[in-house]
Amino acid sequence: MSNFNDEEDKLNAHLEELRKKHRELDTYISETFNNQNISPEVYRLKTQKLWLKDEIHRIETKLSNRATLNGSS
C-alpha cells in the first residue's frame, strides 16, 4: 500500500508542476503577443500543425500497439 501512496504523491507533484508550467506559458504568451493581431492565416496554420501532431501521435500509438501485439504472439 505504501508503494501506491508514493507513486500517487509523485504523480500529484508532477501534475502540479505541469500546471505551473502551463500557467507560466499562458502568461508569457499573453504578455508577449497581447497587442499583436494574428491573422486568420496564422490561426489556420497553427490549427493545421496541431492536427498533424495529433495524427502523428495516433499513428505512432497504433503502430506501437501493433508491434506489442505482434511481439507477444
Protein backbone atom coordinates (compact mmCIF):
# COMPACT_ATOMS: atom_id res chain seq x y z
CA MET A 1 0.00 0.00 0.00
CA SER A 2 2.89 2.33 0.75
CA ASN A 3 4.14 1.93 -2.80
CA PHE A 4 0.79 3.11 -4.15
CA ASN A 5 0.86 6.23 -1.99
CA ASP A 6 4.43 7.06 -3.04
CA GLU A 7 3.50 6.74 -6.71
CA GLU A 8 0.35 8.79 -6.22
CA ASP A 9 2.33 11.52 -4.44
CA LYS A 10 4.85 11.62 -7.29
CA LEU A 11 2.08 11.85 -9.87
CA ASN A 12 0.37 14.65 -7.96
CA ALA A 13 3.64 16.57 -7.66
CA HIS A 14 4.29 16.10 -11.38
CA LEU A 15 0.75 17.23 -12.21
CA GLU A 16 1.20 20.37 -10.13
CA GLU A 17 4.50 21.12 -11.88
CA LEU A 18 2.83 20.72 -15.28
CA ARG A 19 0.03 23.08 -14.22
CA LYS A 20 2.61 25.64 -13.08
CA LYS A 21 4.46 25.45 -16.40
CA HIS A 22 1.15 25.80 -18.25
CA ARG A 23 0.25 28.95 -16.29
CA GLU A 24 3.71 30.40 -16.91
CA LEU A 25 3.46 29.71 -20.63
CA ASP A 26 -0.03 31.21 -20.78
CA THR A 27 1.21 34.35 -19.03
CA TYR A 28 4.20 34.60 -21.37
CA ILE A 29 2.03 34.27 -24.46
CA SER A 30 -0.45 36.84 -23.17
CA GLU A 31 2.25 39.37 -22.30
CA THR A 32 4.29 38.84 -25.46
CA PHE A 33 1.53 38.71 -28.05
CA ASN A 34 -1.23 40.68 -26.32
CA ASN A 35 -1.11 43.71 -28.60
CA GLN A 36 -0.45 41.96 -31.87
CA ASN A 37 -3.05 40.97 -34.41
CA ILE A 38 -2.67 37.40 -35.53
CA SER A 39 -4.05 36.88 -38.98
CA PRO A 40 -6.57 34.19 -39.88
CA GLU A 41 -3.78 32.58 -41.89
CA VAL A 42 -1.67 32.13 -38.74
CA TYR A 43 -4.65 30.59 -36.92
CA ARG A 44 -5.23 28.24 -39.84
CA LEU A 45 -1.59 27.18 -39.91
CA LYS A 46 -1.50 26.61 -36.16
CA THR A 47 -4.68 24.53 -36.37
CA GLN A 48 -3.22 22.51 -39.21
CA LYS A 49 0.03 21.99 -37.30
CA LEU A 50 -1.88 20.78 -34.23
CA TRP A 51 -3.97 18.41 -36.33
CA LEU A 52 -0.81 16.97 -37.89
CA LYS A 53 0.79 16.49 -34.48
CA ASP A 54 -2.33 14.71 -33.21
CA GLU A 55 -2.47 12.50 -36.27
CA ILE A 56 1.22 11.59 -35.95
CA HIS A 57 0.60 10.62 -32.34
CA ARG A 58 -2.41 8.47 -33.27
CA ILE A 59 -0.44 6.63 -35.92
CA GLU A 60 2.60 6.13 -33.68
CA THR A 61 0.35 4.75 -30.95
CA LYS A 62 -1.37 2.42 -33.38
CA LEU A 63 1.98 1.16 -34.70
CA SER A 64 3.31 0.72 -31.19
CA ASN A 65 0.24 -1.28 -30.20
CA ARG A 66 0.59 -3.49 -33.25
CA ALA A 67 4.27 -4.07 -32.56
CA THR A 68 3.44 -5.05 -28.98
CA LEU A 69 0.72 -7.44 -30.14
CA ASN A 70 2.97 -8.97 -32.77
CA GLY A 71 5.81 -9.33 -30.32
CA SER A 72 3.66 -11.25 -27.85
CA SER A 73 2.26 -13.67 -30.46
